[in-house]
Amino acid sequence: DIPLPQIRDFLQNRDTQIMEDKLTKQKELIHQKIQELELIERKIDHRLSQLQDAKSARLDEIELIQTPACRIVWMEDALYLKSFLDMEPSIRRLEQSQREAVVFLGKVGVGISKEHLEAGQFSRYDCAFLLLDREDRFDGETHELPETLCARIRFRGSHPQSGAAYEKLLAFLRAHHFAIGGFSREVTLIDNGLTDDPGKFVTEISLPVCPAE
């Protein structure tokens, strides 16, 4: 809708050039809004695809996947997650620093360093990160992760229940002569943002791998 002051201005200063300029400006604003809505639609499509994938996921099975290159934002160091709610303060601070909402469900993850994984230490997370979609505009420093071969497992539960999944991943690596290639990438695909039933939570761990020497 054209604001009332603009209508009053036109009626008081009627001229074809003035009208053409105003219509051109309105068209530019509409085009900008269309682009913003298309971007939001693509983000929602990503989340819907992720949710549908999580609902049909085969749990407690390990598979080798090629994860695509991506951008991430580091958020925290040294986290102890006794509950899925322990990530909330970090997420809220990150949201407040951004002009547009980039934190969508399933995009916040945590990781354990290669050194701590090799030592069998799964209770402390060494980093938290925000995984960015291609469409995301982020005000701050980002890091590029290359395409990576990973061993992936999905399990029922959230971060506090991840220890058994890490044990399975490391046993898989030993059995197939792989070594740990970097920090783990652990993301809740279904959590309290989607359901109040913890029995429906699904978490994914992707662990970079490389041939053992």
N, C-alpha and C. Protein backbone atom coordinates (compact mmCIF):
# COMPACT_ATOMS: atom_id res chain seq x y z
N ASP A 1 0.84 -1.20 0.00
CA ASP A 1 0.00 0.00 0.00
C ASP A 1 0.87 1.25 0.00
N ILE A 2 0.44 2.28 -0.73
CA ILE A 2 1.16 3.54 -0.76
C ILE A 2 0.78 4.34 0.48
N PRO A 3 1.77 4.79 1.29
CA PRO A 3 1.46 5.53 2.51
C PRO A 3 0.67 6.80 2.20
N LEU A 4 -0.18 7.20 3.18
CA LEU A 4 -1.05 8.38 3.01
C LEU A 4 -0.26 9.65 2.68
N PRO A 5 0.88 9.93 3.35
CA PRO A 5 1.64 11.15 3.02
C PRO A 5 2.06 11.19 1.55
N GLN A 6 2.41 10.02 0.98
CA GLN A 6 2.81 10.00 -0.42
C GLN A 6 1.62 10.31 -1.33
N ILE A 7 0.45 9.80 -0.98
CA ILE A 7 -0.75 10.10 -1.78
C ILE A 7 -1.06 11.59 -1.71
N ARG A 8 -0.99 12.18 -0.50
CA ARG A 8 -1.25 13.60 -0.34
C ARG A 8 -0.25 14.44 -1.13
N ASP A 9 1.02 14.00 -1.11
CA ASP A 9 2.06 14.72 -1.83
C ASP A 9 1.78 14.70 -3.33
N PHE A 10 1.34 13.54 -3.84
CA PHE A 10 1.06 13.44 -5.27
C PHE A 10 -0.12 14.33 -5.67
N LEU A 11 -1.18 14.32 -4.85
CA LEU A 11 -2.35 15.13 -5.17
C LEU A 11 -2.03 16.62 -5.17
N GLN A 12 -1.09 17.01 -4.33
CA GLN A 12 -0.72 18.42 -4.26
C GLN A 12 0.31 18.80 -5.33
N ASN A 13 1.01 17.81 -5.88
CA ASN A 13 2.06 18.09 -6.86
C ASN A 13 1.92 17.14 -8.04
N ARG A 14 0.75 17.16 -8.68
CA ARG A 14 0.48 16.21 -9.75
C ARG A 14 1.34 16.53 -10.98
N ASP A 15 2.06 15.47 -11.41
CA ASP A 15 2.91 15.62 -12.58
C ASP A 15 3.26 14.21 -13.06
N THR A 16 3.34 14.02 -14.36
CA THR A 16 3.59 12.67 -14.89
C THR A 16 4.96 12.16 -14.45
N GLN A 17 5.98 13.01 -14.41
CA GLN A 17 7.31 12.56 -14.00
C GLN A 17 7.34 12.16 -12.54
N ILE A 18 6.62 12.96 -11.71
CA ILE A 18 6.55 12.61 -10.28
C ILE A 18 5.88 11.26 -10.10
N MET A 19 4.80 11.03 -10.84
CA MET A 19 4.09 9.76 -10.74
C MET A 19 4.96 8.60 -11.23
N GLU A 20 5.68 8.83 -12.32
CA GLU A 20 6.56 7.78 -12.84
C GLU A 20 7.64 7.43 -11.82
N ASP A 21 8.24 8.44 -11.19
CA ASP A 21 9.29 8.20 -10.19
C ASP A 21 8.74 7.42 -8.99
N LYS A 22 7.53 7.77 -8.56
CA LYS A 22 6.93 7.09 -7.41
C LYS A 22 6.60 5.64 -7.74
N LEU A 23 6.07 5.41 -8.93
CA LEU A 23 5.76 4.03 -9.33
C LEU A 23 7.03 3.20 -9.46
N THR A 24 8.09 3.80 -9.99
CA THR A 24 9.37 3.09 -10.12
C THR A 24 9.91 2.71 -8.74
N LYS A 25 9.80 3.64 -7.79
CA LYS A 25 10.27 3.36 -6.43
C LYS A 25 9.44 2.26 -5.79
N GLN A 26 8.13 2.30 -5.99
CA GLN A 26 7.27 1.25 -5.46
C GLN A 26 7.62 -0.11 -6.06
N LYS A 27 7.91 -0.11 -7.35
CA LYS A 27 8.27 -1.36 -8.01
C LYS A 27 9.57 -1.92 -7.44
N GLU A 28 10.54 -1.06 -7.16
CA GLU A 28 11.81 -1.50 -6.58
C GLU A 28 11.60 -2.09 -5.19
N LEU A 29 10.73 -1.44 -4.40
CA LEU A 29 10.44 -1.96 -3.06
C LEU A 29 9.76 -3.32 -3.13
N ILE A 30 8.84 -3.48 -4.07
CA ILE A 30 8.15 -4.76 -4.23
C ILE A 30 9.14 -5.84 -4.65
N HIS A 31 10.05 -5.50 -5.57
CA HIS A 31 11.06 -6.47 -6.02
C HIS A 31 11.95 -6.90 -4.85
N GLN A 32 12.32 -5.95 -3.99
CA GLN A 32 13.13 -6.26 -2.82
C GLN A 32 12.40 -7.21 -1.88
N LYS A 33 11.11 -6.95 -1.65
CA LYS A 33 10.32 -7.81 -0.77
C LYS A 33 10.19 -9.21 -1.36
N ILE A 34 10.03 -9.31 -2.68
CA ILE A 34 9.94 -10.61 -3.33
C ILE A 34 11.22 -11.40 -3.11
N GLN A 35 12.37 -10.73 -3.26
CA GLN A 35 13.65 -11.41 -3.05
C GLN A 35 13.78 -11.90 -1.61
N GLU A 36 13.36 -11.08 -0.65
CA GLU A 36 13.43 -11.48 0.76
C GLU A 36 12.53 -12.69 1.03
N LEU A 37 11.34 -12.69 0.45
CA LEU A 37 10.42 -13.81 0.65
C LEU A 37 10.94 -15.08 -0.01
N GLU A 38 11.56 -14.95 -1.18
CA GLU A 38 12.13 -16.11 -1.86
C GLU A 38 13.27 -16.71 -1.04
N LEU A 39 14.08 -15.85 -0.42
CA LEU A 39 15.16 -16.33 0.43
C LEU A 39 14.60 -17.09 1.63
N ILE A 40 13.58 -16.53 2.27
CA ILE A 40 12.95 -17.20 3.41
C ILE A 40 12.35 -18.53 2.98
N GLU A 41 11.74 -18.56 1.80
CA GLU A 41 11.15 -19.80 1.30
C GLU A 41 12.22 -20.87 1.11
N ARG A 42 13.39 -20.50 0.58
CA ARG A 42 14.47 -21.49 0.40
C ARG A 42 14.96 -22.01 1.75
N LYS A 43 15.06 -21.12 2.74
CA LYS A 43 15.48 -21.56 4.07
C LYS A 43 14.47 -22.55 4.66
N ILE A 44 13.18 -22.23 4.50
CA ILE A 44 12.14 -23.13 5.02
C ILE A 44 12.19 -24.47 4.29
N ASP A 45 12.45 -24.45 2.99
CA ASP A 45 12.58 -25.70 2.23
C ASP A 45 13.72 -26.55 2.79
N HIS A 46 14.85 -25.89 3.14
CA HIS A 46 15.98 -26.63 3.73
C HIS A 46 15.56 -27.32 5.02
N ARG A 47 14.85 -26.58 5.88
CA ARG A 47 14.45 -27.15 7.16
C ARG A 47 13.41 -28.26 6.99
N LEU A 48 12.48 -28.08 6.05
CA LEU A 48 11.49 -29.13 5.79
C LEU A 48 12.17 -30.40 5.30
N SER A 49 13.12 -30.24 4.39
CA SER A 49 13.84 -31.39 3.87
C SER A 49 14.61 -32.09 4.98
N GLN A 50 15.22 -31.31 5.86
CA GLN A 50 15.97 -31.88 6.98
C GLN A 50 15.04 -32.62 7.94
N LEU A 51 13.87 -32.03 8.22
CA LEU A 51 12.92 -32.66 9.13
C LEU A 51 12.38 -33.97 8.56
N GLN A 52 12.03 -33.96 7.28
CA GLN A 52 11.52 -35.17 6.64
C GLN A 52 12.58 -36.26 6.63
N ASP A 53 13.83 -35.86 6.38
CA ASP A 53 14.94 -36.81 6.39
C ASP A 53 15.12 -37.41 7.78
N ALA A 54 15.03 -36.55 8.82
CA ALA A 54 15.22 -37.02 10.19
C ALA A 54 14.11 -37.97 10.61
N LYS A 55 12.87 -37.69 10.21
CA LYS A 55 11.73 -38.54 10.59
C LYS A 55 11.84 -39.94 10.00
N SER A 56 12.49 -40.05 8.83
CA SER A 56 12.59 -41.35 8.17
C SER A 56 13.98 -41.97 8.33
N ALA A 57 14.83 -41.36 9.14
CA ALA A 57 16.21 -41.83 9.27
C ALA A 57 16.29 -43.21 9.91
N ARG A 58 17.25 -44.00 9.43
CA ARG A 58 17.56 -45.28 10.08
C ARG A 58 18.50 -44.98 11.24
N LEU A 59 18.06 -45.30 12.43
CA LEU A 59 18.81 -44.94 13.63
C LEU A 59 19.82 -46.01 14.00
N ASP A 60 20.90 -45.55 14.64
CA ASP A 60 21.96 -46.43 15.17
C ASP A 60 22.67 -47.21 14.08
N GLU A 61 22.62 -46.74 12.84
CA GLU A 61 23.37 -47.33 11.75
C GLU A 61 24.44 -46.34 11.30
N ILE A 62 25.61 -46.87 10.97
CA ILE A 62 26.72 -46.01 10.55
C ILE A 62 26.89 -46.14 9.04
N GLU A 63 27.05 -44.99 8.39
CA GLU A 63 27.28 -44.98 6.94
C GLU A 63 28.34 -43.95 6.61
N LEU A 64 29.04 -44.20 5.51
CA LEU A 64 30.02 -43.24 5.02
C LEU A 64 29.33 -42.30 4.05
N ILE A 65 29.50 -40.99 4.27
CA ILE A 65 28.88 -39.99 3.40
C ILE A 65 29.92 -38.94 3.01
N GLN A 66 29.68 -38.29 1.90
CA GLN A 66 30.52 -37.17 1.48
C GLN A 66 29.78 -35.88 1.83
N THR A 67 30.23 -35.19 2.87
CA THR A 67 29.56 -33.95 3.26
C THR A 67 30.04 -32.81 2.38
N PRO A 68 29.13 -31.98 1.89
CA PRO A 68 29.54 -30.88 0.99
C PRO A 68 30.28 -29.79 1.74
N ALA A 69 31.01 -28.96 1.01
CA ALA A 69 31.66 -27.80 1.61
C ALA A 69 30.60 -26.89 2.21
N CYS A 70 30.94 -26.20 3.28
CA CYS A 70 29.96 -25.35 3.96
C CYS A 70 30.65 -24.23 4.71
N ARG A 71 29.85 -23.25 5.13
CA ARG A 71 30.33 -22.16 5.98
C ARG A 71 29.80 -22.34 7.39
N ILE A 72 30.65 -22.05 8.37
CA ILE A 72 30.21 -22.12 9.76
C ILE A 72 30.66 -20.87 10.52
N VAL A 73 30.01 -20.64 11.64
CA VAL A 73 30.39 -19.58 12.57
C VAL A 73 30.71 -20.23 13.90
N TRP A 74 31.93 -19.99 14.42
CA TRP A 74 32.26 -20.50 15.75
C TRP A 74 31.54 -19.68 16.79
N MET A 75 31.02 -20.35 17.84
CA MET A 75 30.25 -19.63 18.85
C MET A 75 30.85 -19.72 20.25
N GLU A 76 31.32 -20.89 20.66
CA GLU A 76 31.74 -21.08 22.04
C GLU A 76 32.89 -22.07 22.10
N ASP A 77 33.54 -22.13 23.24
CA ASP A 77 34.54 -23.15 23.53
C ASP A 77 34.17 -23.84 24.83
N ALA A 78 34.57 -25.10 24.97
CA ALA A 78 34.45 -25.86 26.21
C ALA A 78 33.05 -25.82 26.80
N LEU A 79 32.16 -26.63 26.24
CA LEU A 79 30.77 -26.69 26.71
C LEU A 79 30.50 -28.04 27.36
N TYR A 80 29.77 -28.02 28.45
CA TYR A 80 29.28 -29.24 29.08
C TYR A 80 27.76 -29.22 28.96
N LEU A 81 27.20 -30.12 28.16
CA LEU A 81 25.76 -30.10 27.88
C LEU A 81 25.07 -31.22 28.65
N LYS A 82 24.49 -30.87 29.78
CA LYS A 82 23.73 -31.84 30.57
C LYS A 82 22.27 -31.90 30.12
N SER A 83 21.85 -30.89 29.35
CA SER A 83 20.48 -30.82 28.86
C SER A 83 20.50 -30.13 27.51
N PHE A 84 19.47 -30.41 26.69
CA PHE A 84 19.36 -29.74 25.40
C PHE A 84 19.15 -28.24 25.56
N LEU A 85 18.77 -27.79 26.76
CA LEU A 85 18.55 -26.37 27.01
C LEU A 85 19.84 -25.60 27.24
N ASP A 86 20.97 -26.29 27.46
CA ASP A 86 22.22 -25.62 27.76
C ASP A 86 22.78 -24.83 26.59
N MET A 87 22.27 -25.05 25.38
CA MET A 87 22.72 -24.29 24.23
C MET A 87 21.98 -22.97 24.07
N GLU A 88 20.88 -22.79 24.78
CA GLU A 88 20.03 -21.62 24.57
C GLU A 88 20.74 -20.28 24.74
N PRO A 89 21.55 -20.07 25.80
CA PRO A 89 22.20 -18.76 25.95
C PRO A 89 23.07 -18.38 24.76
N SER A 90 23.83 -19.35 24.23
CA SER A 90 24.69 -19.07 23.09
C SER A 90 23.87 -18.71 21.86
N ILE A 91 22.79 -19.44 21.65
CA ILE A 91 21.93 -19.18 20.48
C ILE A 91 21.29 -17.81 20.58
N ARG A 92 20.79 -17.45 21.77
CA ARG A 92 20.13 -16.15 21.92
C ARG A 92 21.11 -15.00 21.69
N ARG A 93 22.35 -15.12 22.20
CA ARG A 93 23.33 -14.06 21.98
C ARG A 93 23.65 -13.91 20.50
N LEU A 94 23.74 -15.01 19.81
CA LEU A 94 24.04 -14.96 18.39
C LEU A 94 22.90 -14.32 17.62
N GLU A 95 21.67 -14.65 17.96
CA GLU A 95 20.52 -14.06 17.29
C GLU A 95 20.48 -12.54 17.49
N GLN A 96 20.79 -12.08 18.70
CA GLN A 96 20.72 -10.66 19.00
C GLN A 96 21.76 -9.85 18.23
N SER A 97 22.84 -10.49 17.80
CA SER A 97 23.91 -9.77 17.09
C SER A 97 23.64 -9.65 15.60
N GLN A 98 22.55 -10.26 15.11
CA GLN A 98 22.30 -10.30 13.68
C GLN A 98 21.10 -9.44 13.28
N ARG A 99 21.19 -8.83 12.11
CA ARG A 99 20.09 -8.04 11.60
C ARG A 99 18.98 -8.92 11.04
N GLU A 100 19.31 -10.11 10.57
CA GLU A 100 18.29 -11.03 10.07
C GLU A 100 18.45 -12.37 10.78
N ALA A 101 17.36 -13.10 10.92
CA ALA A 101 17.39 -14.37 11.64
C ALA A 101 18.10 -15.42 10.82
N VAL A 102 19.24 -15.92 11.32
CA VAL A 102 19.95 -16.98 10.62
C VAL A 102 19.92 -18.28 11.40
N VAL A 103 19.48 -18.22 12.66
CA VAL A 103 19.44 -19.44 13.46
C VAL A 103 18.10 -20.13 13.25
N PHE A 104 18.12 -21.16 12.44
CA PHE A 104 16.92 -21.96 12.21
C PHE A 104 17.13 -23.32 12.88
N LEU A 105 16.02 -24.02 13.13
CA LEU A 105 16.13 -25.30 13.81
C LEU A 105 17.06 -26.25 13.08
N GLY A 106 17.92 -26.92 13.85
CA GLY A 106 18.79 -27.92 13.25
C GLY A 106 20.08 -27.38 12.69
N LYS A 107 20.34 -26.07 12.84
CA LYS A 107 21.53 -25.49 12.26
C LYS A 107 22.64 -25.28 13.28
N VAL A 108 22.34 -25.39 14.56
CA VAL A 108 23.35 -25.20 15.60
C VAL A 108 23.92 -26.54 15.99
N GLY A 109 25.25 -26.62 16.00
CA GLY A 109 25.89 -27.89 16.34
C GLY A 109 27.00 -27.71 17.34
N VAL A 110 27.49 -28.83 17.85
CA VAL A 110 28.63 -28.84 18.77
C VAL A 110 29.63 -29.87 18.26
N GLY A 111 30.87 -29.74 18.72
CA GLY A 111 31.91 -30.66 18.25
C GLY A 111 32.92 -30.99 19.32
N ILE A 112 33.53 -32.15 19.17
CA ILE A 112 34.61 -32.61 20.04
C ILE A 112 35.88 -32.69 19.20
N SER A 113 36.98 -32.20 19.73
CA SER A 113 38.24 -32.19 18.98
C SER A 113 38.75 -33.60 18.70
N LYS A 114 39.59 -33.72 17.70
CA LYS A 114 40.20 -34.99 17.33
C LYS A 114 40.96 -35.58 18.52
N GLU A 115 41.68 -34.71 19.24
CA GLU A 115 42.49 -35.18 20.37
C GLU A 115 41.63 -35.78 21.48
N HIS A 116 40.53 -35.13 21.80
CA HIS A 116 39.66 -35.64 22.86
C HIS A 116 38.89 -36.89 22.41
N LEU A 117 38.56 -36.96 21.12
CA LEU A 117 37.91 -38.17 20.61
C LEU A 117 38.86 -39.36 20.71
N GLU A 118 40.10 -39.15 20.32
CA GLU A 118 41.09 -40.24 20.39
C GLU A 118 41.33 -40.68 21.82
N ALA A 119 41.15 -39.77 22.78
CA ALA A 119 41.33 -40.10 24.19
C ALA A 119 40.05 -40.66 24.82
N GLY A 120 38.99 -40.77 24.02
CA GLY A 120 37.73 -41.30 24.54
C GLY A 120 37.00 -40.36 25.47
N GLN A 121 37.22 -39.05 25.33
CA GLN A 121 36.59 -38.06 26.18
C GLN A 121 35.41 -37.44 25.44
N PHE A 122 34.19 -37.86 25.81
CA PHE A 122 32.99 -37.45 25.08
C PHE A 122 32.07 -36.52 25.87
N SER A 123 32.43 -36.19 27.11
CA SER A 123 31.52 -35.41 27.95
C SER A 123 31.66 -33.91 27.75
N ARG A 124 32.82 -33.46 27.25
CA ARG A 124 33.04 -32.03 27.05
C ARG A 124 33.13 -31.72 25.57
N TYR A 125 32.40 -30.71 25.14
CA TYR A 125 32.47 -30.26 23.76
C TYR A 125 33.47 -29.11 23.65
N ASP A 126 34.27 -29.16 22.63
CA ASP A 126 35.32 -28.15 22.45
C ASP A 126 34.85 -26.95 21.66
N CYS A 127 33.73 -27.05 20.97
CA CYS A 127 33.25 -25.92 20.20
C CYS A 127 31.75 -26.04 19.97
N ALA A 128 31.14 -24.91 19.71
CA ALA A 128 29.78 -24.86 19.20
C ALA A 128 29.82 -24.04 17.93
N PHE A 129 28.97 -24.36 16.98
CA PHE A 129 29.03 -23.67 15.71
C PHE A 129 27.63 -23.51 15.12
N LEU A 130 27.53 -22.55 14.23
CA LEU A 130 26.31 -22.32 13.47
C LEU A 130 26.61 -22.67 12.01
N LEU A 131 25.85 -23.60 11.46
CA LEU A 131 25.99 -24.01 10.08
C LEU A 131 25.13 -23.11 9.21
N LEU A 132 25.76 -22.40 8.28
CA LEU A 132 25.06 -21.43 7.45
C LEU A 132 24.59 -22.05 6.14
N ASP A 133 23.38 -21.69 5.73
CA ASP A 133 22.93 -22.01 4.39
C ASP A 133 23.60 -21.07 3.39
N ARG A 134 23.58 -21.44 2.12
CA ARG A 134 24.17 -20.58 1.10
C ARG A 134 23.50 -19.20 1.10
N GLU A 135 22.21 -19.17 1.41
CA GLU A 135 21.47 -17.91 1.34
C GLU A 135 21.71 -16.99 2.53
N ASP A 136 22.31 -17.50 3.60
CA ASP A 136 22.44 -16.71 4.82
C ASP A 136 23.43 -15.56 4.67
N ARG A 137 23.01 -14.40 5.13
CA ARG A 137 23.91 -13.24 5.23
C ARG A 137 24.25 -13.07 6.70
N PHE A 138 25.53 -13.22 7.02
CA PHE A 138 25.95 -13.19 8.42
C PHE A 138 26.89 -12.02 8.65
N ASP A 139 26.62 -11.24 9.71
CA ASP A 139 27.45 -10.10 10.07
C ASP A 139 28.54 -10.55 11.04
N GLY A 140 29.66 -10.98 10.51
CA GLY A 140 30.75 -11.45 11.36
C GLY A 140 31.64 -12.42 10.61
N GLU A 141 32.63 -12.94 11.32
CA GLU A 141 33.61 -13.83 10.71
C GLU A 141 33.02 -15.23 10.52
N THR A 142 33.27 -15.81 9.36
CA THR A 142 32.84 -17.17 9.08
C THR A 142 34.05 -18.01 8.66
N HIS A 143 33.89 -19.33 8.71
CA HIS A 143 34.96 -20.25 8.34
C HIS A 143 34.43 -21.23 7.30
N GLU A 144 35.27 -21.54 6.34
CA GLU A 144 34.90 -22.48 5.28
C GLU A 144 35.38 -23.89 5.65
N LEU A 145 34.48 -24.86 5.61
CA LEU A 145 34.85 -26.26 5.78
C LEU A 145 34.80 -26.93 4.42
N PRO A 146 35.85 -27.65 4.04
CA PRO A 146 35.87 -28.29 2.72
C PRO A 146 34.97 -29.52 2.66
N GLU A 147 34.71 -29.99 1.47
CA GLU A 147 34.01 -31.27 1.29
C GLU A 147 34.80 -32.35 2.01
N THR A 148 34.10 -33.20 2.75
CA THR A 148 34.78 -34.13 3.65
C THR A 148 34.09 -35.49 3.67
N LEU A 149 34.88 -36.56 3.68
CA LEU A 149 34.34 -37.90 3.89
C LEU A 149 34.10 -38.10 5.38
N CYS A 150 32.87 -38.48 5.74
CA CYS A 150 32.52 -38.63 7.16
C CYS A 150 31.83 -39.97 7.41
N ALA A 151 32.03 -40.47 8.62
CA ALA A 151 31.20 -41.57 9.13
C ALA A 151 30.06 -40.94 9.91
N ARG A 152 28.82 -41.29 9.57
CA ARG A 152 27.66 -40.65 10.18
C ARG A 152 26.77 -41.65 10.89
N ILE A 153 26.28 -41.23 12.05
CA ILE A 153 25.31 -42.03 12.80
C ILE A 153 24.22 -41.10 13.30
N ARG A 154 23.00 -41.60 13.33
CA ARG A 154 21.86 -40.88 13.89
C ARG A 154 21.27 -41.73 15.00
N PHE A 155 20.89 -41.08 16.09
CA PHE A 155 20.39 -41.84 17.23
C PHE A 155 19.23 -41.11 17.90
N ARG A 156 18.46 -41.86 18.68
CA ARG A 156 17.33 -41.31 19.42
C ARG A 156 17.86 -40.62 20.67
N GLY A 157 17.60 -39.32 20.80
CA GLY A 157 18.08 -38.58 21.96
C GLY A 157 18.76 -37.29 21.55
N SER A 158 19.42 -36.66 22.52
CA SER A 158 20.08 -35.39 22.28
C SER A 158 21.52 -35.49 22.77
N HIS A 159 22.18 -34.33 22.93
CA HIS A 159 23.61 -34.32 23.25
C HIS A 159 23.97 -35.13 24.49
N PRO A 160 23.19 -35.07 25.57
CA PRO A 160 23.59 -35.84 26.75
C PRO A 160 23.64 -37.35 26.52
N GLN A 161 22.97 -37.85 25.48
CA GLN A 161 22.96 -39.29 25.20
C GLN A 161 23.94 -39.70 24.09
N SER A 162 24.88 -38.82 23.74
CA SER A 162 25.71 -39.07 22.55
C SER A 162 26.90 -40.00 22.80
N GLY A 163 27.24 -40.25 24.05
CA GLY A 163 28.44 -41.04 24.35
C GLY A 163 28.45 -42.40 23.67
N ALA A 164 27.34 -43.14 23.72
CA ALA A 164 27.27 -44.47 23.11
C ALA A 164 27.45 -44.39 21.59
N ALA A 165 26.94 -43.32 20.99
CA ALA A 165 27.08 -43.15 19.54
C ALA A 165 28.54 -42.93 19.16
N TYR A 166 29.27 -42.16 19.98
CA TYR A 166 30.69 -41.97 19.71
C TYR A 166 31.46 -43.28 19.84
N GLU A 167 31.10 -44.08 20.81
CA GLU A 167 31.76 -45.39 20.96
C GLU A 167 31.55 -46.23 19.71
N LYS A 168 30.34 -46.23 19.17
CA LYS A 168 30.06 -47.00 17.95
C LYS A 168 30.85 -46.46 16.76
N LEU A 169 30.94 -45.15 16.66
CA LEU A 169 31.68 -44.57 15.55
C LEU A 169 33.16 -44.96 15.61
N LEU A 170 33.76 -44.86 16.78
CA LEU A 170 35.18 -45.20 16.90
C LEU A 170 35.42 -46.68 16.65
N ALA A 171 34.49 -47.54 17.08
CA ALA A 171 34.63 -48.97 16.79
C ALA A 171 34.53 -49.22 15.29
N PHE A 172 33.64 -48.49 14.62
CA PHE A 172 33.51 -48.60 13.15
C PHE A 172 34.81 -48.18 12.47
N LEU A 173 35.42 -47.09 12.93
CA LEU A 173 36.67 -46.63 12.32
C LEU A 173 37.77 -47.67 12.48
N ARG A 174 37.87 -48.27 13.67
CA ARG A 174 38.91 -49.29 13.89
C ARG A 174 38.67 -50.51 13.00
N ALA A 175 37.42 -50.93 12.88
CA ALA A 175 37.11 -52.12 12.10
C ALA A 175 37.35 -51.92 10.61
N HIS A 176 37.24 -50.68 10.12
CA HIS A 176 37.38 -50.41 8.69
C HIS A 176 38.67 -49.65 8.38
N HIS A 177 39.59 -49.62 9.34
CA HIS A 177 40.92 -49.06 9.13
C HIS A 177 40.87 -47.58 8.72
N PHE A 178 40.05 -46.83 9.45
CA PHE A 178 40.00 -45.38 9.28
C PHE A 178 40.60 -44.71 10.51
N ALA A 179 41.03 -43.45 10.32
CA ALA A 179 41.48 -42.61 11.42
C ALA A 179 40.56 -41.39 11.50
N ILE A 180 40.55 -40.75 12.66
CA ILE A 180 39.74 -39.53 12.83
C ILE A 180 40.40 -38.40 12.06
N GLY A 181 39.61 -37.71 11.24
CA GLY A 181 40.16 -36.67 10.38
C GLY A 181 39.89 -35.26 10.84
N GLY A 182 39.24 -35.07 11.99
CA GLY A 182 38.95 -33.72 12.45
C GLY A 182 37.90 -33.74 13.55
N PHE A 183 37.40 -32.57 13.92
CA PHE A 183 36.43 -32.49 15.00
C PHE A 183 35.07 -33.04 14.55
N SER A 184 34.32 -33.57 15.50
CA SER A 184 33.00 -34.11 15.19
C SER A 184 32.01 -32.98 14.96
N ARG A 185 30.96 -33.30 14.20
CA ARG A 185 29.90 -32.32 13.92
C ARG A 185 28.59 -32.94 14.39
N GLU A 186 28.11 -32.47 15.52
CA GLU A 186 26.95 -33.07 16.18
C GLU A 186 25.79 -32.08 16.17
N VAL A 187 24.69 -32.46 15.55
CA VAL A 187 23.55 -31.56 15.39
C VAL A 187 22.27 -32.28 15.76
N THR A 188 21.41 -31.65 16.55
CA THR A 188 20.09 -32.23 16.82
C THR A 188 19.17 -31.90 15.65
N LEU A 189 18.60 -32.92 15.03
CA LEU A 189 17.71 -32.74 13.89
C LEU A 189 16.27 -32.55 14.35
N ILE A 190 15.89 -33.25 15.42
CA ILE A 190 14.58 -33.07 16.04
C ILE A 190 14.82 -32.89 17.54
N ASP A 191 14.40 -31.73 18.07
CA ASP A 191 14.62 -31.47 19.49
C ASP A 191 13.42 -30.74 20.07
N ASN A 192 13.62 -30.06 21.20
CA ASN A 192 12.49 -29.41 21.88
C ASN A 192 11.89 -28.27 21.08
N GLY A 193 12.57 -27.81 20.04
CA GLY A 193 11.99 -26.79 19.18
C GLY A 193 10.90 -27.33 18.28
N LEU A 194 10.85 -28.65 18.14
CA LEU A 194 9.87 -29.30 17.27
C LEU A 194 8.88 -30.17 18.03
N THR A 195 9.27 -30.70 19.18
CA THR A 195 8.38 -31.59 19.92
C THR A 195 8.69 -31.50 21.42
N ASP A 196 7.66 -31.69 22.23
CA ASP A 196 7.84 -31.72 23.69
C ASP A 196 8.19 -33.11 24.18
N ASP A 197 8.22 -34.08 23.29
CA ASP A 197 8.47 -35.48 23.66
C ASP A 197 9.94 -35.83 23.42
N PRO A 198 10.77 -35.92 24.49
CA PRO A 198 12.18 -36.26 24.31
C PRO A 198 12.38 -37.62 23.63
N GLY A 199 11.37 -38.48 23.69
CA GLY A 199 11.47 -39.79 23.04
C GLY A 199 11.48 -39.71 21.54
N LYS A 200 11.18 -38.52 20.99
CA LYS A 200 11.19 -38.34 19.54
C LYS A 200 12.41 -37.56 19.05
N PHE A 201 13.30 -37.16 19.98
CA PHE A 201 14.48 -36.41 19.58
C PHE A 201 15.38 -37.27 18.69
N VAL A 202 15.99 -36.66 17.69
CA VAL A 202 16.95 -37.33 16.82
C VAL A 202 18.19 -36.44 16.69
N THR A 203 19.35 -37.03 16.92
CA THR A 203 20.62 -36.30 16.81
C THR A 203 21.52 -37.01 15.81
N GLU A 204 22.28 -36.21 15.08
CA GLU A 204 23.20 -36.73 14.06
C GLU A 204 24.63 -36.36 14.41
N ILE A 205 25.53 -37.32 14.29
CA ILE A 205 26.96 -37.06 14.45
C ILE A 205 27.66 -37.45 13.15
N SER A 206 28.38 -36.49 12.58
CA SER A 206 29.22 -36.75 11.42
C SER A 206 30.67 -36.59 11.85
N LEU A 207 31.47 -37.63 11.62
CA LEU A 207 32.87 -37.62 12.06
C LEU A 207 33.78 -37.72 10.84
N PRO A 208 34.58 -36.68 10.54
CA PRO A 208 35.51 -36.75 9.41
C PRO A 208 36.48 -37.92 9.56
N VAL A 209 36.73 -38.63 8.47
CA VAL A 209 37.62 -39.77 8.52
C VAL A 209 38.66 -39.70 7.41
N CYS A 210 39.75 -40.43 7.61
CA CYS A 210 40.81 -40.54 6.60
C CYS A 210 41.43 -41.92 6.76
N PRO A 211 42.14 -42.42 5.73
CA PRO A 211 42.75 -43.75 5.87
C PRO A 211 43.76 -43.80 7.02
N ALA A 212 43.70 -44.87 7.79
CA ALA A 212 44.65 -45.04 8.90
C ALA A 212 46.03 -45.33 8.33
N GLU A 213 47.05 -44.79 8.99
CA GLU A 213 48.42 -45.01 8.52
C GLU A 213 48.93 -46.37 8.98
